[in-house]
Amino acid sequence: MAVDVDAARLSPDEVLELLPQQEPFRFVDEILEVDQDHIVARYRFREDADFYRGHFPGDPITPGVILLESLAQVGVVALGIYIYALEYGREGVKRRIALFTDASIDFSGIVRPGERVTVSAQKTFFRRGKLRSEASMALDDGTVVCTGSISGFGVER
């Protein structure tokens, strides 16, 4: 059965609603833009996040693995939800979950507790359920903290 593409086109709020990650492991506050080729989202790292207690006491910074997770939630999961809905509708999205597969990320800066970042991702390809994006993360002042390629694919729940 074919999906009505116009009816399947999700708003940024609808994509956020379908994102499976939740607090305390959701690193996306808002989606500013999304279409079948790109996504832009923001997140403010909470000063009281538990991982700051040990990374590093007295001079906390956001772990790189958490920055990578934020890139994945935006550039693979959220963008994948939007793209998948165009093909299979909202119900098709609900039957799948996106899994991270690989990344090649260059880190060039740090994110401190309380700082807000903007994550942008551009689809490189989407085929056979696999999505690859070129993603970047920048602080509000424009300082780029990481860039690279990130991939994942959807599997039936």
N, C-alpha and C. Protein backbone atom coordinates (compact mmCIF):
# COMPACT_ATOMS: atom_id res chain seq x y z
N MET A 1 0.84 -1.18 0.00
CA MET A 1 0.00 0.00 0.00
C MET A 1 0.88 1.24 0.00
N ALA A 2 0.65 2.12 -0.93
CA ALA A 2 1.45 3.35 -1.04
C ALA A 2 1.08 4.34 0.06
N VAL A 3 2.07 5.08 0.50
CA VAL A 3 1.88 6.10 1.53
C VAL A 3 1.69 7.44 0.86
N ASP A 4 0.71 8.22 1.32
CA ASP A 4 0.51 9.59 0.85
C ASP A 4 1.65 10.42 1.43
N VAL A 5 2.59 10.82 0.58
CA VAL A 5 3.80 11.52 1.04
C VAL A 5 3.45 12.79 1.79
N ASP A 6 2.48 13.56 1.30
CA ASP A 6 2.11 14.80 1.99
C ASP A 6 1.58 14.50 3.39
N ALA A 7 0.77 13.46 3.53
CA ALA A 7 0.23 13.10 4.84
C ALA A 7 1.31 12.52 5.75
N ALA A 8 2.33 11.89 5.16
CA ALA A 8 3.39 11.25 5.93
C ALA A 8 4.49 12.22 6.34
N ARG A 9 4.50 13.41 5.75
CA ARG A 9 5.53 14.40 6.06
C ARG A 9 5.35 14.86 7.50
N LEU A 10 6.35 14.59 8.34
CA LEU A 10 6.27 14.92 9.77
C LEU A 10 6.80 16.32 10.04
N SER A 11 6.21 16.98 11.01
CA SER A 11 6.73 18.27 11.47
C SER A 11 7.92 18.01 12.39
N PRO A 12 8.74 19.03 12.64
CA PRO A 12 9.84 18.84 13.59
C PRO A 12 9.37 18.35 14.95
N ASP A 13 8.24 18.85 15.45
CA ASP A 13 7.71 18.40 16.74
C ASP A 13 7.28 16.94 16.70
N GLU A 14 6.71 16.51 15.58
CA GLU A 14 6.30 15.11 15.45
C GLU A 14 7.51 14.19 15.42
N VAL A 15 8.58 14.60 14.75
CA VAL A 15 9.81 13.79 14.74
C VAL A 15 10.34 13.67 16.16
N LEU A 16 10.38 14.79 16.89
CA LEU A 16 10.87 14.77 18.27
C LEU A 16 10.01 13.85 19.14
N GLU A 17 8.72 13.88 18.93
CA GLU A 17 7.80 13.02 19.69
C GLU A 17 8.09 11.53 19.44
N LEU A 18 8.51 11.19 18.22
CA LEU A 18 8.78 9.79 17.87
C LEU A 18 10.19 9.34 18.24
N LEU A 19 11.05 10.26 18.64
CA LEU A 19 12.42 9.90 19.02
C LEU A 19 12.35 8.95 20.22
N PRO A 20 12.93 7.75 20.13
CA PRO A 20 12.79 6.77 21.22
C PRO A 20 13.60 7.11 22.48
N GLN A 21 14.69 7.82 22.33
CA GLN A 21 15.50 8.17 23.50
C GLN A 21 14.74 9.17 24.37
N GLN A 22 14.80 8.98 25.68
CA GLN A 22 14.14 9.84 26.64
C GLN A 22 15.12 10.25 27.72
N GLU A 23 14.72 11.24 28.54
CA GLU A 23 15.55 11.66 29.67
C GLU A 23 15.81 10.45 30.56
N PRO A 24 16.99 10.28 31.06
CA PRO A 24 18.10 11.23 31.00
C PRO A 24 19.05 10.99 29.82
N PHE A 25 18.61 10.23 28.81
CA PHE A 25 19.51 9.90 27.72
C PHE A 25 19.06 10.47 26.39
N ARG A 26 18.25 11.52 26.41
CA ARG A 26 17.89 12.22 25.18
C ARG A 26 18.74 13.49 25.11
N PHE A 27 19.45 13.66 24.01
CA PHE A 27 20.32 14.81 23.82
C PHE A 27 19.86 15.67 22.65
N VAL A 28 18.55 15.86 22.57
CA VAL A 28 17.90 16.72 21.58
C VAL A 28 16.77 17.44 22.30
N ASP A 29 16.81 18.77 22.37
CA ASP A 29 15.73 19.55 22.97
C ASP A 29 14.70 19.99 21.93
N GLU A 30 15.19 20.40 20.76
CA GLU A 30 14.28 20.90 19.73
C GLU A 30 14.87 20.65 18.34
N ILE A 31 13.98 20.42 17.42
CA ILE A 31 14.38 20.28 16.02
C ILE A 31 13.93 21.55 15.31
N LEU A 32 14.89 22.26 14.73
CA LEU A 32 14.61 23.54 14.08
C LEU A 32 14.18 23.37 12.62
N GLU A 33 14.82 22.43 11.93
CA GLU A 33 14.55 22.17 10.51
C GLU A 33 14.69 20.69 10.25
N VAL A 34 13.86 20.17 9.37
CA VAL A 34 14.03 18.79 8.91
C VAL A 34 13.34 18.63 7.57
N ASP A 35 14.03 17.96 6.65
CA ASP A 35 13.43 17.54 5.39
C ASP A 35 14.15 16.24 5.00
N GLN A 36 13.89 15.73 3.82
CA GLN A 36 14.45 14.43 3.45
C GLN A 36 15.96 14.45 3.24
N ASP A 37 16.57 15.63 3.23
CA ASP A 37 18.01 15.73 2.99
C ASP A 37 18.83 16.25 4.16
N HIS A 38 18.18 16.94 5.13
CA HIS A 38 18.97 17.51 6.22
C HIS A 38 18.13 17.72 7.48
N ILE A 39 18.83 17.98 8.57
CA ILE A 39 18.18 18.26 9.85
C ILE A 39 19.06 19.21 10.65
N VAL A 40 18.43 20.07 11.44
CA VAL A 40 19.12 20.98 12.35
C VAL A 40 18.39 20.91 13.68
N ALA A 41 19.13 20.68 14.76
CA ALA A 41 18.52 20.55 16.09
C ALA A 41 19.42 21.19 17.14
N ARG A 42 18.84 21.42 18.33
CA ARG A 42 19.60 22.01 19.43
C ARG A 42 19.45 21.20 20.70
N TYR A 43 20.48 21.34 21.55
CA TYR A 43 20.43 20.71 22.87
C TYR A 43 21.29 21.54 23.83
N ARG A 44 20.78 21.72 25.05
CA ARG A 44 21.56 22.36 26.10
C ARG A 44 21.94 21.27 27.10
N PHE A 45 23.26 21.12 27.30
CA PHE A 45 23.76 20.11 28.24
C PHE A 45 23.48 20.57 29.66
N ARG A 46 22.70 19.78 30.38
CA ARG A 46 22.26 20.12 31.74
C ARG A 46 23.45 20.11 32.69
N GLU A 47 23.57 21.16 33.48
CA GLU A 47 24.68 21.28 34.43
C GLU A 47 24.65 20.18 35.48
N ASP A 48 23.47 19.64 35.76
CA ASP A 48 23.35 18.61 36.79
C ASP A 48 23.42 17.18 36.23
N ALA A 49 23.80 17.03 34.95
CA ALA A 49 23.91 15.68 34.37
C ALA A 49 24.92 14.85 35.16
N ASP A 50 24.56 13.63 35.48
CA ASP A 50 25.36 12.78 36.36
C ASP A 50 26.77 12.52 35.84
N PHE A 51 26.95 12.46 34.52
CA PHE A 51 28.29 12.13 34.00
C PHE A 51 29.32 13.20 34.30
N TYR A 52 28.89 14.44 34.60
CA TYR A 52 29.85 15.49 34.93
C TYR A 52 30.54 15.26 36.28
N ARG A 53 29.91 14.49 37.17
CA ARG A 53 30.52 14.24 38.48
C ARG A 53 31.90 13.60 38.34
N GLY A 54 32.09 12.77 37.34
CA GLY A 54 33.35 12.08 37.18
C GLY A 54 34.16 12.49 35.96
N HIS A 55 33.67 13.44 35.18
CA HIS A 55 34.34 13.80 33.91
C HIS A 55 34.45 15.31 33.76
N PHE A 56 35.25 15.99 34.32
CA PHE A 56 36.28 15.68 35.31
C PHE A 56 35.99 16.52 36.54
N PRO A 57 36.08 15.96 37.75
CA PRO A 57 35.76 16.70 38.97
C PRO A 57 36.57 18.01 39.05
N GLY A 58 35.84 19.10 39.30
CA GLY A 58 36.48 20.40 39.40
C GLY A 58 36.62 21.13 38.08
N ASP A 59 36.58 20.42 36.96
CA ASP A 59 36.70 21.03 35.64
C ASP A 59 35.91 20.17 34.63
N PRO A 60 34.58 20.08 34.81
CA PRO A 60 33.80 19.15 33.99
C PRO A 60 33.69 19.56 32.52
N ILE A 61 33.78 18.55 31.66
CA ILE A 61 33.49 18.72 30.23
C ILE A 61 32.63 17.54 29.78
N THR A 62 31.90 17.75 28.72
CA THR A 62 31.02 16.70 28.21
C THR A 62 31.85 15.61 27.53
N PRO A 63 31.67 14.35 27.93
CA PRO A 63 32.41 13.26 27.29
C PRO A 63 32.15 13.19 25.78
N GLY A 64 33.18 12.86 25.02
CA GLY A 64 33.05 12.72 23.58
C GLY A 64 32.00 11.71 23.18
N VAL A 65 31.86 10.64 23.94
CA VAL A 65 30.87 9.62 23.61
C VAL A 65 29.45 10.19 23.72
N ILE A 66 29.24 11.15 24.62
CA ILE A 66 27.93 11.80 24.74
C ILE A 66 27.71 12.74 23.55
N LEU A 67 28.75 13.44 23.12
CA LEU A 67 28.64 14.28 21.93
C LEU A 67 28.29 13.42 20.71
N LEU A 68 28.95 12.27 20.60
CA LEU A 68 28.67 11.33 19.51
C LEU A 68 27.22 10.85 19.58
N GLU A 69 26.74 10.57 20.78
CA GLU A 69 25.35 10.14 20.95
C GLU A 69 24.39 11.23 20.48
N SER A 70 24.67 12.47 20.79
CA SER A 70 23.83 13.57 20.33
C SER A 70 23.82 13.64 18.81
N LEU A 71 25.00 13.51 18.19
CA LEU A 71 25.07 13.49 16.72
C LEU A 71 24.22 12.36 16.16
N ALA A 72 24.29 11.18 16.78
CA ALA A 72 23.54 10.02 16.31
C ALA A 72 22.03 10.22 16.47
N GLN A 73 21.61 10.78 17.61
CA GLN A 73 20.19 10.99 17.83
C GLN A 73 19.60 11.95 16.81
N VAL A 74 20.38 12.93 16.40
CA VAL A 74 19.90 13.90 15.41
C VAL A 74 20.10 13.38 13.98
N GLY A 75 21.36 13.05 13.63
CA GLY A 75 21.73 12.75 12.25
C GLY A 75 21.38 11.38 11.75
N VAL A 76 21.06 10.46 12.66
CA VAL A 76 20.65 9.11 12.24
C VAL A 76 19.21 8.85 12.67
N VAL A 77 18.92 8.95 13.96
CA VAL A 77 17.60 8.57 14.45
C VAL A 77 16.52 9.56 14.00
N ALA A 78 16.66 10.84 14.34
CA ALA A 78 15.61 11.81 14.01
C ALA A 78 15.46 11.99 12.49
N LEU A 79 16.58 12.14 11.79
CA LEU A 79 16.50 12.27 10.33
C LEU A 79 15.95 10.99 9.72
N GLY A 80 16.36 9.85 10.24
CA GLY A 80 15.85 8.57 9.76
C GLY A 80 14.35 8.43 9.97
N ILE A 81 13.84 8.90 11.11
CA ILE A 81 12.40 8.86 11.36
C ILE A 81 11.66 9.66 10.28
N TYR A 82 12.15 10.84 9.99
CA TYR A 82 11.51 11.68 8.98
C TYR A 82 11.51 10.98 7.61
N ILE A 83 12.67 10.50 7.20
CA ILE A 83 12.80 9.86 5.89
C ILE A 83 11.96 8.59 5.82
N TYR A 84 12.02 7.79 6.86
CA TYR A 84 11.28 6.52 6.87
C TYR A 84 9.77 6.77 6.81
N ALA A 85 9.29 7.81 7.50
CA ALA A 85 7.86 8.12 7.49
C ALA A 85 7.38 8.48 6.09
N LEU A 86 8.23 9.12 5.29
CA LEU A 86 7.84 9.46 3.92
C LEU A 86 7.54 8.21 3.10
N GLU A 87 8.25 7.14 3.42
CA GLU A 87 8.10 5.89 2.67
C GLU A 87 7.06 4.95 3.27
N TYR A 88 7.01 4.89 4.62
CA TYR A 88 6.19 3.88 5.29
C TYR A 88 5.15 4.44 6.25
N GLY A 89 5.06 5.76 6.37
CA GLY A 89 4.08 6.38 7.25
C GLY A 89 4.48 6.32 8.72
N ARG A 90 3.69 7.02 9.54
CA ARG A 90 3.96 7.08 10.99
C ARG A 90 3.92 5.69 11.62
N GLU A 91 2.98 4.87 11.20
CA GLU A 91 2.88 3.51 11.78
C GLU A 91 4.09 2.66 11.42
N GLY A 92 4.61 2.86 10.21
CA GLY A 92 5.83 2.15 9.82
C GLY A 92 7.01 2.55 10.68
N VAL A 93 7.09 3.83 11.04
CA VAL A 93 8.16 4.31 11.92
C VAL A 93 8.05 3.64 13.28
N LYS A 94 6.84 3.53 13.79
CA LYS A 94 6.63 2.96 15.14
C LYS A 94 7.03 1.48 15.21
N ARG A 95 7.07 0.81 14.08
CA ARG A 95 7.44 -0.62 14.05
C ARG A 95 8.94 -0.85 13.96
N ARG A 96 9.72 0.22 13.84
CA ARG A 96 11.16 0.10 13.68
C ARG A 96 11.89 0.89 14.75
N ILE A 97 13.14 0.53 14.96
CA ILE A 97 14.01 1.29 15.84
C ILE A 97 15.35 1.46 15.14
N ALA A 98 15.92 2.64 15.25
CA ALA A 98 17.19 2.94 14.59
C ALA A 98 18.34 2.54 15.50
N LEU A 99 19.32 1.88 14.93
CA LEU A 99 20.52 1.46 15.65
C LEU A 99 21.74 2.11 15.03
N PHE A 100 22.59 2.64 15.86
CA PHE A 100 23.85 3.23 15.44
C PHE A 100 24.76 2.11 14.94
N THR A 101 25.47 2.35 13.82
CA THR A 101 26.37 1.32 13.30
C THR A 101 27.83 1.75 13.28
N ASP A 102 28.11 2.98 12.84
CA ASP A 102 29.51 3.39 12.76
C ASP A 102 29.63 4.90 12.64
N ALA A 103 30.82 5.39 12.95
CA ALA A 103 31.07 6.83 12.85
C ALA A 103 32.56 7.07 12.66
N SER A 104 32.86 8.18 12.03
CA SER A 104 34.22 8.69 11.92
C SER A 104 34.12 10.17 12.25
N ILE A 105 34.48 10.50 13.50
CA ILE A 105 34.26 11.84 14.03
C ILE A 105 35.58 12.48 14.41
N ASP A 106 35.75 13.74 14.04
CA ASP A 106 36.90 14.54 14.47
C ASP A 106 36.41 15.53 15.53
N PHE A 107 37.05 15.50 16.70
CA PHE A 107 36.72 16.42 17.78
C PHE A 107 37.68 17.59 17.73
N SER A 108 37.14 18.81 17.84
CA SER A 108 37.97 20.00 17.72
C SER A 108 37.72 21.02 18.84
N GLY A 109 36.87 20.68 19.77
CA GLY A 109 36.55 21.59 20.87
C GLY A 109 35.87 20.84 21.99
N ILE A 110 35.50 21.58 23.03
CA ILE A 110 34.84 20.96 24.18
C ILE A 110 33.50 21.64 24.44
N VAL A 111 32.64 20.92 25.13
CA VAL A 111 31.34 21.44 25.54
C VAL A 111 31.30 21.35 27.06
N ARG A 112 31.05 22.48 27.69
CA ARG A 112 30.99 22.55 29.15
C ARG A 112 29.54 22.44 29.62
N PRO A 113 29.34 22.07 30.89
CA PRO A 113 27.98 22.01 31.43
C PRO A 113 27.25 23.33 31.22
N GLY A 114 26.00 23.24 30.80
CA GLY A 114 25.17 24.42 30.60
C GLY A 114 25.25 25.00 29.20
N GLU A 115 26.20 24.58 28.39
CA GLU A 115 26.32 25.13 27.03
C GLU A 115 25.29 24.49 26.10
N ARG A 116 24.84 25.29 25.14
CA ARG A 116 23.91 24.80 24.13
C ARG A 116 24.66 24.57 22.83
N VAL A 117 24.30 23.50 22.16
CA VAL A 117 24.91 23.16 20.88
C VAL A 117 23.83 23.07 19.80
N THR A 118 24.26 23.31 18.57
CA THR A 118 23.41 23.08 17.40
C THR A 118 24.04 21.95 16.61
N VAL A 119 23.24 20.95 16.31
CA VAL A 119 23.69 19.80 15.53
C VAL A 119 23.03 19.89 14.16
N SER A 120 23.86 19.82 13.12
CA SER A 120 23.37 19.83 11.74
C SER A 120 23.84 18.55 11.07
N ALA A 121 22.97 17.96 10.26
CA ALA A 121 23.35 16.75 9.53
C ALA A 121 22.76 16.81 8.13
N GLN A 122 23.56 16.36 7.19
CA GLN A 122 23.18 16.29 5.78
C GLN A 122 23.22 14.84 5.35
N LYS A 123 22.12 14.33 4.81
CA LYS A 123 22.07 12.94 4.35
C LYS A 123 23.09 12.72 3.24
N THR A 124 23.91 11.69 3.40
CA THR A 124 24.83 11.25 2.36
C THR A 124 24.15 10.20 1.49
N PHE A 125 23.50 9.21 2.16
CA PHE A 125 22.69 8.24 1.44
C PHE A 125 21.70 7.58 2.38
N PHE A 126 20.63 7.06 1.79
CA PHE A 126 19.64 6.26 2.50
C PHE A 126 19.22 5.16 1.54
N ARG A 127 19.60 3.93 1.86
CA ARG A 127 19.21 2.79 1.02
C ARG A 127 19.20 1.52 1.86
N ARG A 128 18.24 0.66 1.52
CA ARG A 128 18.05 -0.61 2.23
C ARG A 128 18.00 -0.41 3.74
N GLY A 129 17.38 0.69 4.16
CA GLY A 129 17.20 0.97 5.58
C GLY A 129 18.40 1.57 6.29
N LYS A 130 19.52 1.76 5.57
CA LYS A 130 20.71 2.35 6.19
C LYS A 130 20.82 3.82 5.80
N LEU A 131 21.11 4.64 6.81
CA LEU A 131 21.27 6.07 6.62
C LEU A 131 22.67 6.48 7.02
N ARG A 132 23.31 7.25 6.16
CA ARG A 132 24.61 7.84 6.49
C ARG A 132 24.47 9.35 6.32
N SER A 133 25.01 10.08 7.31
CA SER A 133 24.95 11.54 7.31
C SER A 133 26.31 12.13 7.62
N GLU A 134 26.55 13.31 7.07
CA GLU A 134 27.68 14.14 7.48
C GLU A 134 27.11 15.09 8.52
N ALA A 135 27.68 15.07 9.72
CA ALA A 135 27.12 15.84 10.82
C ALA A 135 28.17 16.75 11.44
N SER A 136 27.68 17.82 12.07
CA SER A 136 28.57 18.71 12.81
C SER A 136 27.83 19.25 14.02
N MET A 137 28.62 19.65 15.01
CA MET A 137 28.09 20.23 16.24
C MET A 137 28.84 21.51 16.51
N ALA A 138 28.10 22.59 16.83
CA ALA A 138 28.71 23.88 17.11
C ALA A 138 28.07 24.50 18.34
N LEU A 139 28.86 25.26 19.08
CA LEU A 139 28.37 26.02 20.21
C LEU A 139 27.59 27.23 19.70
N ASP A 140 26.87 27.90 20.58
CA ASP A 140 26.10 29.08 20.18
C ASP A 140 26.96 30.17 19.56
N ASP A 141 28.24 30.25 19.95
CA ASP A 141 29.12 31.29 19.38
C ASP A 141 29.70 30.88 18.03
N GLY A 142 29.30 29.70 17.51
CA GLY A 142 29.76 29.24 16.21
C GLY A 142 30.96 28.32 16.25
N THR A 143 31.57 28.14 17.42
CA THR A 143 32.73 27.25 17.54
C THR A 143 32.32 25.81 17.25
N VAL A 144 32.94 25.22 16.25
CA VAL A 144 32.65 23.83 15.89
C VAL A 144 33.40 22.91 16.86
N VAL A 145 32.68 21.98 17.47
CA VAL A 145 33.31 21.07 18.44
C VAL A 145 33.53 19.67 17.89
N CYS A 146 32.76 19.28 16.86
CA CYS A 146 33.02 17.99 16.22
C CYS A 146 32.29 17.91 14.88
N THR A 147 32.89 17.13 13.98
CA THR A 147 32.31 16.90 12.65
C THR A 147 32.63 15.49 12.21
N GLY A 148 31.86 14.97 11.29
CA GLY A 148 32.19 13.67 10.74
C GLY A 148 31.00 12.95 10.14
N SER A 149 31.25 11.70 9.83
CA SER A 149 30.26 10.83 9.20
C SER A 149 29.69 9.89 10.26
N ILE A 150 28.38 9.70 10.22
CA ILE A 150 27.72 8.83 11.19
C ILE A 150 26.65 8.01 10.47
N SER A 151 26.51 6.75 10.86
CA SER A 151 25.57 5.85 10.16
C SER A 151 24.76 5.02 11.13
N GLY A 152 23.62 4.55 10.62
CA GLY A 152 22.77 3.65 11.39
C GLY A 152 21.76 3.03 10.45
N PHE A 153 20.98 2.08 10.98
CA PHE A 153 19.94 1.46 10.16
C PHE A 153 18.76 1.10 11.05
N GLY A 154 17.61 0.96 10.41
CA GLY A 154 16.40 0.63 11.14
C GLY A 154 16.15 -0.86 11.13
N VAL A 155 15.70 -1.37 12.26
CA VAL A 155 15.35 -2.79 12.39
C VAL A 155 13.94 -2.90 12.97
N GLU A 156 13.25 -3.98 12.63
CA GLU A 156 11.92 -4.23 13.20
C GLU A 156 12.03 -4.40 14.69
N ARG A 157 11.06 -3.83 15.41
CA ARG A 157 11.02 -3.98 16.88
C ARG A 157 10.59 -5.37 17.23
